C-alpha cells in the first residue's frame, strides 16, 4: 500500500507536470497544502522532502518551496512500462510504429532470449511520445509466443506489457542496463534531434514468472526528457555499478521484480 505522503507527492508532481505550478513558481504553504489535501502538516513535510530529494522543488529558510525546471523523473519500478510512467506524471503517452516484422534473431537477441541462431523473433521499432513530443525509441525483439499477440495491441496508443498480460503473458522480472550513447543518424531522424547528441540508453531483458525470456529491448531516451531515480538502503540495494569497458558492458545495472 502506498504511504499517504507518497500519494500527496505524486499528486503534487502531477500538478507541476501539467503546469499548475510551472518552474520558478512557489508552492502553497504547508498549512494551505495540508488543508487542500486534508492531511496533517507532517504528511505534507514528508511529501515535500521527497520532492526535494528528487530535485523537483527547492526550499529556502523561511520561504515556500520553489518549483525547479527538471527532467521528468522515472522510478526504476516504473521502467517496464513507458505508458504507466507517463500516466503517473500526468502526461499523455502515445507511439508511432516505424517497423513491425517477423525476422531471424540477431546474435545478441538470440543470446539474450535463449534462442538458437536464426530462430524467429517479432521485432518492433516504436517512437514513444509524451504529450505529442518524441522522447524515446524502443527497438524490441519478442519471442514468438509473445510477439504474435501484438496483433491484438494498438501499438500507437496502448501499453504492450499491459495488453499482453491480458492474454496470459506476464512480465515478472526485468534486468536493466543504463548507459549513455551518441545519437546515430537514424536516432536523430526518429527523435527530430541533431546527430551526435547524448542519449540515455536502456537495455532490458524481461522474463515471465518462470524465468523464461519474453523480450530483449534497447531503448534510447532524449537526454533532457527523462531522469531516473533510484532509492536504496543499507539493508538492500538492487543497484550494481560496473565499468563500461566495451559497448556491451553495463554502465549501471539493476534487477526489478513485480512489474
C-alpha atoms as a PDB file:
ATOM      1  CA  UNK A   1       0.000   0.000   0.000  1.00  0.00           C
ATOM      2  CA  UNK A   2       1.294   3.458  -0.926  1.00  0.00           C
ATOM      3  CA  UNK A   3       2.041   5.676   2.070  1.00  0.00           C
ATOM      4  CA  UNK A   4      -0.138   8.784   2.346  1.00  0.00           C
ATOM      5  CA  UNK A   5       2.793  11.151   1.866  1.00  0.00           C
ATOM      6  CA  UNK A   6       3.761   9.320  -1.339  1.00  0.00           C
ATOM      7  CA  UNK A   7       0.261   9.835  -2.698  1.00  0.00           C
ATOM      8  CA  UNK A   8       0.464  13.540  -1.856  1.00  0.00           C
ATOM      9  CA  UNK A   9       3.884  13.775  -3.528  1.00  0.00           C
ATOM     10  CA  UNK A  10       2.521  12.097  -6.661  1.00  0.00           C
ATOM     11  CA  UNK A  11      -0.417  14.487  -6.861  1.00  0.00           C
ATOM     12  CA  UNK A  12       1.879  17.486  -6.408  1.00  0.00           C
ATOM     13  CA  UNK A  13       4.208  16.105  -9.088  1.00  0.00           C
ATOM     14  CA  UNK A  14       1.250  15.867 -11.486  1.00  0.00           C
ATOM     15  CA  UNK A  15       0.230  19.438 -10.688  1.00  0.00           C
ATOM     16  CA  UNK A  16       3.779  20.537 -11.516  1.00  0.00           C
ATOM     17  CA  UNK A  17       3.846  18.470 -14.724  1.00  0.00           C
ATOM     18  CA  UNK A  18       0.544  19.873 -16.010  1.00  0.00           C
ATOM     19  CA  UNK A  19       1.693  23.461 -15.473  1.00  0.00           C
ATOM     20  CA  UNK A  20      -0.410  24.286 -12.424  1.00  0.00           C
ATOM     21  CA  UNK A  21       2.888  25.140 -10.724  1.00  0.00           C
ATOM     22  CA  UNK A  22       5.392  25.984 -13.505  1.00  0.00           C
ATOM     23  CA  UNK A  23       9.175  26.168 -12.984  1.00  0.00           C
ATOM     24  CA  UNK A  24      10.100  29.177 -10.873  1.00  0.00           C
ATOM     25  CA  UNK A  25       6.729  29.385  -9.131  1.00  0.00           C
ATOM     26  CA  UNK A  26       6.183  28.752  -5.434  1.00  0.00           C
ATOM     27  CA  UNK A  27       4.042  26.032  -3.950  1.00  0.00           C
ATOM     28  CA  UNK A  28       1.356  26.949  -1.387  1.00  0.00           C
ATOM     29  CA  UNK A  29       2.404  26.926   2.262  1.00  0.00           C
ATOM     30  CA  UNK A  30       2.460  23.713   4.282  1.00  0.00           C
ATOM     31  CA  UNK A  31      -0.686  24.880   6.085  1.00  0.00           C
ATOM     32  CA  UNK A  32      -2.506  25.528   2.789  1.00  0.00           C
ATOM     33  CA  UNK A  33      -1.414  22.217   1.328  1.00  0.00           C
ATOM     34  CA  UNK A  34      -2.490  20.348   4.463  1.00  0.00           C
ATOM     35  CA  UNK A  35      -5.967  21.870   4.198  1.00  0.00           C
ATOM     36  CA  UNK A  36      -6.131  21.198   0.459  1.00  0.00           C
ATOM     37  CA  UNK A  37      -5.224  17.508   0.792  1.00  0.00           C
ATOM     38  CA  UNK A  38      -6.968  17.020   4.130  1.00  0.00           C
ATOM     39  CA  UNK A  39      -3.850  15.612   5.816  1.00  0.00           C
ATOM     40  CA  UNK A  40      -1.545  16.533   8.685  1.00  0.00           C
ATOM     41  CA  UNK A  41       1.275  19.017   8.119  1.00  0.00           C
ATOM     42  CA  UNK A  42       3.780  16.257   8.947  1.00  0.00           C
ATOM     43  CA  UNK A  43       2.483  14.339   5.906  1.00  0.00           C
ATOM     44  CA  UNK A  44       2.981  17.435   3.740  1.00  0.00           C
ATOM     45  CA  UNK A  45       6.532  17.825   5.057  1.00  0.00           C
ATOM     46  CA  UNK A  46       7.337  14.207   4.135  1.00  0.00           C
ATOM     47  CA  UNK A  47       5.874  14.696   0.645  1.00  0.00           C
ATOM     48  CA  UNK A  48       7.820  17.919   0.087  1.00  0.00           C
ATOM     49  CA  UNK A  49      11.009  16.300   1.364  1.00  0.00           C
ATOM     50  CA  UNK A  50      10.511  13.506  -1.195  1.00  0.00           C
ATOM     51  CA  UNK A  51      10.091  16.060  -3.995  1.00  0.00           C
ATOM     52  CA  UNK A  52      13.156  17.881  -2.746  1.00  0.00           C
ATOM     53  CA  UNK A  53      15.241  14.687  -2.852  1.00  0.00           C
ATOM     54  CA  UNK A  54      14.102  14.123  -6.440  1.00  0.00           C
ATOM     55  CA  UNK A  55      15.143  17.643  -7.419  1.00  0.00           C
ATOM     56  CA  UNK A  56      11.589  18.766  -8.197  1.00  0.00           C
ATOM     57  CA  UNK A  57      11.435  21.603  -5.643  1.00  0.00           C
ATOM     58  CA  UNK A  58      13.951  23.640  -3.673  1.00  0.00           C
ATOM     59  CA  UNK A  59      13.487  25.005  -0.172  1.00  0.00           C
ATOM     60  CA  UNK A  60      14.911  28.117   1.450  1.00  0.00           C
ATOM     61  CA  UNK A  61      14.728  29.010   5.114  1.00  0.00           C
ATOM     62  CA  UNK A  62      11.574  30.976   5.816  1.00  0.00           C
ATOM     63  CA  UNK A  63      10.294  30.729   2.230  1.00  0.00           C
ATOM     64  CA  UNK A  64       7.893  28.488   0.363  1.00  0.00           C
ATOM     65  CA  UNK A  65       9.197  25.694  -1.876  1.00  0.00           C
ATOM     66  CA  UNK A  66      10.172  26.786  -5.384  1.00  0.00           C
ATOM     67  CA  UNK A  67       9.452  24.543  -8.374  1.00  0.00           C
ATOM     68  CA  UNK A  68      12.577  23.676 -10.362  1.00  0.00           C
ATOM     69  CA  UNK A  69      12.908  23.052 -14.095  1.00  0.00           C
ATOM     70  CA  UNK A  70      13.964  19.396 -14.168  1.00  0.00           C
ATOM     71  CA  UNK A  71      13.632  16.406 -16.496  1.00  0.00           C
ATOM     72  CA  UNK A  72      10.656  14.141 -15.862  1.00  0.00           C
ATOM     73  CA  UNK A  73      11.644  11.535 -13.314  1.00  0.00           C
ATOM     74  CA  UNK A  74      11.164   7.828 -13.877  1.00  0.00           C
ATOM     75  CA  UNK A  75      11.482   5.408 -10.988  1.00  0.00           C
ATOM     76  CA  UNK A  76      13.148   2.061 -11.706  1.00  0.00           C
ATOM     77  CA  UNK A  77       9.966   0.398 -10.501  1.00  0.00           C
ATOM     78  CA  UNK A  78       8.119   2.018 -13.448  1.00  0.00           C
ATOM     79  CA  UNK A  79      10.809   1.221 -16.017  1.00  0.00           C
ATOM     80  CA  UNK A  80       8.970  -1.744 -17.542  1.00  0.00           C
ATOM     81  CA  UNK A  81       6.132   0.349 -18.941  1.00  0.00           C
ATOM     82  CA  UNK A  82       6.507   3.742 -20.597  1.00  0.00           C
ATOM     83  CA  UNK A  83       2.721   4.190 -20.573  1.00  0.00           C
ATOM     84  CA  UNK A  84       2.400   3.560 -16.829  1.00  0.00           C
ATOM     85  CA  UNK A  85       5.174   6.015 -16.073  1.00  0.00           C
ATOM     86  CA  UNK A  86       3.742   8.690 -18.385  1.00  0.00           C
ATOM     87  CA  UNK A  87       0.312   8.469 -16.786  1.00  0.00           C
ATOM     88  CA  UNK A  88       1.865   8.574 -13.294  1.00  0.00           C
ATOM     89  CA  UNK A  89       3.276  12.047 -14.025  1.00  0.00           C
ATOM     90  CA  UNK A  90       0.082  13.295 -15.642  1.00  0.00           C
ATOM     91  CA  UNK A  91       1.374  13.121 -19.231  1.00  0.00           C
ATOM     92  CA  UNK A  92      -0.313  11.572 -22.277  1.00  0.00           C
ATOM     93  CA  UNK A  93       1.655   8.644 -23.748  1.00  0.00           C
ATOM     94  CA  UNK A  94       1.464   7.672 -27.407  1.00  0.00           C
ATOM     95  CA  UNK A  95       3.569   5.908 -30.000  1.00  0.00           C
ATOM     96  CA  UNK A  96       4.490   5.808 -33.659  1.00  0.00           C
ATOM     97  CA  UNK A  97       5.273   2.398 -35.178  1.00  0.00           C
ATOM     98  CA  UNK A  98       8.259   2.504 -37.513  1.00  0.00           C
ATOM     99  CA  UNK A  99       8.698  -1.227 -38.037  1.00  0.00           C
ATOM    100  CA  UNK A 100       6.917  -4.466 -37.150  1.00  0.00           C
ATOM    101  CA  UNK A 101       8.196  -7.695 -38.662  1.00  0.00           C
ATOM    102  CA  UNK A 102       8.964 -11.352 -38.074  1.00  0.00           C
ATOM    103  CA  UNK A 103      12.632 -11.997 -38.749  1.00  0.00           C
ATOM    104  CA  UNK A 104      15.619 -14.085 -37.721  1.00  0.00           C
ATOM    105  CA  UNK A 105      17.137 -13.190 -34.353  1.00  0.00           C
ATOM    106  CA  UNK A 106      20.478 -11.428 -34.336  1.00  0.00           C
ATOM    107  CA  UNK A 107      23.346 -12.953 -32.384  1.00  0.00           C
ATOM    108  CA  UNK A 108      22.711 -10.658 -29.417  1.00  0.00           C
ATOM    109  CA  UNK A 109      18.946 -11.206 -29.460  1.00  0.00           C
ATOM    110  CA  UNK A 110      19.363 -14.993 -29.638  1.00  0.00           C
ATOM    111  CA  UNK A 111      21.788 -14.961 -26.692  1.00  0.00           C
ATOM    112  CA  UNK A 112      19.605 -12.733 -24.514  1.00  0.00           C
ATOM    113  CA  UNK A 113      16.366 -14.567 -25.326  1.00  0.00           C
ATOM    114  CA  UNK A 114      17.826 -18.063 -25.025  1.00  0.00           C
ATOM    115  CA  UNK A 115      17.168 -18.883 -28.682  1.00  0.00           C
ATOM    116  CA  UNK A 116      19.143 -20.780 -31.282  1.00  0.00           C
ATOM    117  CA  UNK A 117      20.857 -18.901 -34.070  1.00  0.00           C
ATOM    118  CA  UNK A 118      18.387 -17.613 -36.663  1.00  0.00           C
ATOM    119  CA  UNK A 119      15.313 -18.559 -34.596  1.00  0.00           C
ATOM    120  CA  UNK A 120      12.472 -16.153 -35.448  1.00  0.00           C
ATOM    121  CA  UNK A 121      11.555 -13.158 -33.297  1.00  0.00           C
ATOM    122  CA  UNK A 122       8.939 -10.435 -33.653  1.00  0.00           C
ATOM    123  CA  UNK A 123      10.847  -7.170 -33.977  1.00  0.00           C
ATOM    124  CA  UNK A 124       9.238  -3.794 -33.249  1.00  0.00           C
ATOM    125  CA  UNK A 125      10.581  -0.271 -33.553  1.00  0.00           C
ATOM    126  CA  UNK A 126       8.396   2.390 -31.902  1.00  0.00           C
ATOM    127  CA  UNK A 127       8.930   6.064 -31.223  1.00  0.00           C
ATOM    128  CA  UNK A 128       7.321   6.964 -27.894  1.00  0.00           C
ATOM    129  CA  UNK A 129       5.868  10.398 -27.307  1.00  0.00           C
ATOM    130  CA  UNK A 130       4.978  12.438 -24.220  1.00  0.00           C
ATOM    131  CA  UNK A 131       2.189  14.908 -24.903  1.00  0.00           C
ATOM    132  CA  UNK A 132       2.939  14.585 -28.616  1.00  0.00           C
ATOM    133  CA  UNK A 133       6.710  15.135 -28.349  1.00  0.00           C
ATOM    134  CA  UNK A 134       9.106  12.279 -29.315  1.00  0.00           C
ATOM    135  CA  UNK A 135      11.292  11.370 -26.334  1.00  0.00           C
ATOM    136  CA  UNK A 136      12.270   7.729 -26.772  1.00  0.00           C
ATOM    137  CA  UNK A 137      12.902   4.982 -29.337  1.00  0.00           C
ATOM    138  CA  UNK A 138      12.080   1.352 -28.498  1.00  0.00           C
ATOM    139  CA  UNK A 139      13.794  -1.358 -30.513  1.00  0.00           C
ATOM    140  CA  UNK A 140      12.406  -4.613 -29.112  1.00  0.00           C
ATOM    141  CA  UNK A 141      12.673  -8.288 -30.055  1.00  0.00           C
ATOM    142  CA  UNK A 142       9.930 -10.562 -28.645  1.00  0.00           C
ATOM    143  CA  UNK A 143       9.938 -14.334 -28.529  1.00  0.00           C
ATOM    144  CA  UNK A 144       7.270 -15.653 -30.886  1.00  0.00           C
ATOM    145  CA  UNK A 145       4.758 -16.722 -28.246  1.00  0.00           C
ATOM    146  CA  UNK A 146       4.604 -13.130 -27.001  1.00  0.00           C
ATOM    147  CA  UNK A 147       5.216 -11.268 -30.231  1.00  0.00           C
ATOM    148  CA  UNK A 148       2.478 -12.989 -32.222  1.00  0.00           C
ATOM    149  CA  UNK A 149      -0.059 -11.491 -29.790  1.00  0.00           C
ATOM    150  CA  UNK A 150       0.888  -7.955 -30.846  1.00  0.00           C
ATOM    151  CA  UNK A 151      -1.861  -8.157 -33.458  1.00  0.00           C
ATOM    152  CA  UNK A 152      -4.268  -7.623 -30.543  1.00  0.00           C
ATOM    153  CA  UNK A 153      -2.483  -4.438 -29.398  1.00  0.00           C
ATOM    154  CA  UNK A 154      -2.957  -0.874 -30.590  1.00  0.00           C
ATOM    155  CA  UNK A 155       0.760  -0.160 -30.767  1.00  0.00           C
ATOM    156  CA  UNK A 156       0.270   3.594 -31.110  1.00  0.00           C
ATOM    157  CA  UNK A 157      -1.896   4.052 -28.024  1.00  0.00           C
ATOM    158  CA  UNK A 158      -1.632   1.033 -25.730  1.00  0.00           C
ATOM    159  CA  UNK A 159       0.979  -0.439 -23.401  1.00  0.00           C
ATOM    160  CA  UNK A 160       2.270  -3.707 -24.848  1.00  0.00           C
ATOM    161  CA  UNK A 161       3.007  -5.196 -21.428  1.00  0.00           C
ATOM    162  CA  UNK A 162      -0.470  -4.365 -20.096  1.00  0.00           C
ATOM    163  CA  UNK A 163      -2.240  -5.838 -23.124  1.00  0.00           C
ATOM    164  CA  UNK A 164      -0.088  -8.978 -23.250  1.00  0.00           C
ATOM    165  CA  UNK A 165      -0.814  -9.643 -19.586  1.00  0.00           C
ATOM    166  CA  UNK A 166      -4.493  -9.800 -20.532  1.00  0.00           C
ATOM    167  CA  UNK A 167      -3.519 -12.731 -22.770  1.00  0.00           C
ATOM    168  CA  UNK A 168      -1.536 -14.543 -20.084  1.00  0.00           C
ATOM    169  CA  UNK A 169       1.931 -13.178 -20.886  1.00  0.00           C
ATOM    170  CA  UNK A 170       3.166 -11.766 -17.571  1.00  0.00           C
ATOM    171  CA  UNK A 171       6.342  -9.663 -17.376  1.00  0.00           C
ATOM    172  CA  UNK A 172       7.521 -10.647 -13.893  1.00  0.00           C
ATOM    173  CA  UNK A 173      11.207  -9.710 -13.832  1.00  0.00           C
ATOM    174  CA  UNK A 174      13.479  -7.415 -15.811  1.00  0.00           C
ATOM    175  CA  UNK A 175      17.169  -6.637 -15.843  1.00  0.00           C
ATOM    176  CA  UNK A 176      18.067  -3.125 -16.968  1.00  0.00           C
ATOM    177  CA  UNK A 177      21.400  -1.732 -18.121  1.00  0.00           C
ATOM    178  CA  UNK A 178      21.720   2.044 -18.329  1.00  0.00           C
ATOM    179  CA  UNK A 179      24.450   3.990 -20.109  1.00  0.00           C
ATOM    180  CA  UNK A 180      24.983   6.955 -22.430  1.00  0.00           C
ATOM    181  CA  UNK A 181      25.433   6.881 -26.204  1.00  0.00           C
ATOM    182  CA  UNK A 182      25.528   9.406 -29.034  1.00  0.00           C
ATOM    183  CA  UNK A 183      22.542   9.669 -31.352  1.00  0.00           C
ATOM    184  CA  UNK A 184      23.014   7.918 -34.680  1.00  0.00           C
ATOM    185  CA  UNK A 185      21.624   9.496 -37.866  1.00  0.00           C
ATOM    186  CA  UNK A 186      18.647   7.120 -37.592  1.00  0.00           C
ATOM    187  CA  UNK A 187      18.086   8.090 -33.926  1.00  0.00           C
ATOM    188  CA  UNK A 188      18.257  11.760 -34.895  1.00  0.00           C
ATOM    189  CA  UNK A 189      15.690  11.313 -37.677  1.00  0.00           C
ATOM    190  CA  UNK A 190      13.230   9.489 -35.432  1.00  0.00           C
ATOM    191  CA  UNK A 191      13.592  11.872 -32.475  1.00  0.00           C
ATOM    192  CA  UNK A 192      13.896  15.093 -34.508  1.00  0.00           C
ATOM    193  CA  UNK A 193      17.243  15.979 -32.923  1.00  0.00           C
ATOM    194  CA  UNK A 194      20.801  16.579 -34.143  1.00  0.00           C
ATOM    195  CA  UNK A 195      23.050  13.536 -34.789  1.00  0.00           C
ATOM    196  CA  UNK A 196      25.671  13.041 -32.112  1.00  0.00           C
ATOM    197  CA  UNK A 197      23.617  14.411 -29.227  1.00  0.00           C
ATOM    198  CA  UNK A 198      23.845  12.422 -25.997  1.00  0.00           C
ATOM    199  CA  UNK A 199      21.062   9.909 -25.396  1.00  0.00           C
ATOM    200  CA  UNK A 200      20.318   7.770 -22.359  1.00  0.00           C
ATOM    201  CA  UNK A 201      20.294   4.121 -23.410  1.00  0.00           C
ATOM    202  CA  UNK A 202      18.449   1.399 -21.509  1.00  0.00           C
ATOM    203  CA  UNK A 203      18.903  -2.252 -22.451  1.00  0.00           C
ATOM    204  CA  UNK A 204      16.330  -4.578 -20.958  1.00  0.00           C
ATOM    205  CA  UNK A 205      15.799  -8.327 -20.735  1.00  0.00           C
ATOM    206  CA  UNK A 206      12.374  -9.267 -19.364  1.00  0.00           C
ATOM    207  CA  UNK A 207      11.207 -12.704 -18.238  1.00  0.00           C
ATOM    208  CA  UNK A 208       7.996 -14.360 -17.098  1.00  0.00           C
ATOM    209  CA  UNK A 209       7.394 -15.753 -13.571  1.00  0.00           C
ATOM    210  CA  UNK A 210       9.179 -18.994 -14.550  1.00  0.00           C
ATOM    211  CA  UNK A 211      12.255 -17.113 -15.707  1.00  0.00           C
ATOM    212  CA  UNK A 212      11.662 -17.676 -19.426  1.00  0.00           C
ATOM    213  CA  UNK A 213      12.727 -14.756 -21.600  1.00  0.00           C
ATOM    214  CA  UNK A 214       9.982 -12.666 -23.224  1.00  0.00           C
ATOM    215  CA  UNK A 215      11.757  -9.670 -24.713  1.00  0.00           C
ATOM    216  CA  UNK A 216      15.114  -8.035 -25.318  1.00  0.00           C
ATOM    217  CA  UNK A 217      14.937  -4.296 -25.894  1.00  0.00           C
ATOM    218  CA  UNK A 218      17.213  -1.352 -26.468  1.00  0.00           C
ATOM    219  CA  UNK A 219      15.531   1.968 -25.673  1.00  0.00           C
ATOM    220  CA  UNK A 220      17.078   5.382 -26.285  1.00  0.00           C
ATOM    221  CA  UNK A 221      15.832   8.478 -24.432  1.00  0.00           C
ATOM    222  CA  UNK A 222      16.383  12.124 -25.290  1.00  0.00           C
ATOM    223  CA  UNK A 223      18.752  13.289 -22.565  1.00  0.00           C
ATOM    224  CA  UNK A 224      16.739  16.262 -21.299  1.00  0.00           C
ATOM    225  CA  UNK A 225      13.372  14.480 -21.417  1.00  0.00           C
ATOM    226  CA  UNK A 226      13.767  11.974 -18.603  1.00  0.00           C
ATOM    227  CA  UNK A 227      15.803  11.241 -15.494  1.00  0.00           C
ATOM    228  CA  UNK A 228      15.863   8.026 -13.488  1.00  0.00           C
ATOM    229  CA  UNK A 229      15.611   7.826  -9.712  1.00  0.00           C
ATOM    230  CA  UNK A 230      16.990   5.060  -7.508  1.00  0.00           C
ATOM    231  CA  UNK A 231      16.143   4.576  -3.859  1.00  0.00           C
ATOM    232  CA  UNK A 232      18.197   2.130  -1.856  1.00  0.00           C
ATOM    233  CA  UNK A 233      19.009   1.428   1.750  1.00  0.00           C
ATOM    234  CA  UNK A 234      21.690  -0.118   3.906  1.00  0.00           C
ATOM    235  CA  UNK A 235      19.529  -3.250   4.067  1.00  0.00           C
ATOM    236  CA  UNK A 236      19.008  -3.771   0.345  1.00  0.00           C
ATOM    237  CA  UNK A 237      20.435  -2.141  -2.750  1.00  0.00           C
ATOM    238  CA  UNK A 238      19.486  -3.627  -6.140  1.00  0.00           C
ATOM    239  CA  UNK A 239      21.853  -1.291  -7.982  1.00  0.00           C
ATOM    240  CA  UNK A 240      25.065  -2.721  -9.369  1.00  0.00           C
ATOM    241  CA  UNK A 241      27.745  -0.353 -10.643  1.00  0.00           C
ATOM    242  CA  UNK A 242      30.219  -1.713 -13.160  1.00  0.00           C
ATOM    243  CA  UNK A 243      32.909  -0.495 -15.501  1.00  0.00           C
ATOM    244  CA  UNK A 244      31.793   0.266 -19.067  1.00  0.00           C
ATOM    245  CA  UNK A 245      34.743  -1.414 -20.740  1.00  0.00           C
ATOM    246  CA  UNK A 246      33.029  -2.157 -24.080  1.00  0.00           C
ATOM    247  CA  UNK A 247      29.762  -1.151 -25.764  1.00  0.00           C
ATOM    248  CA  UNK A 248      28.238  -4.376 -24.461  1.00  0.00           C
ATOM    249  CA  UNK A 249      29.389  -3.876 -20.878  1.00  0.00           C
ATOM    250  CA  UNK A 250      26.981  -2.440 -18.345  1.00  0.00           C
ATOM    251  CA  UNK A 251      27.475   1.056 -17.040  1.00  0.00           C
ATOM    252  CA  UNK A 252      24.776   0.552 -14.453  1.00  0.00           C
ATOM    253  CA  UNK A 253      22.532  -2.425 -13.907  1.00  0.00           C
ATOM    254  CA  UNK A 254      19.545  -3.220 -11.724  1.00  0.00           C
ATOM    255  CA  UNK A 255      17.052  -6.046 -11.481  1.00  0.00           C
ATOM    256  CA  UNK A 256      13.362  -5.379 -10.802  1.00  0.00           C
ATOM    257  CA  UNK A 257      10.543  -7.709  -9.823  1.00  0.00           C
ATOM    258  CA  UNK A 258       6.791  -7.303  -9.747  1.00  0.00           C
ATOM    259  CA  UNK A 259       6.263  -5.036 -12.774  1.00  0.00           C
END
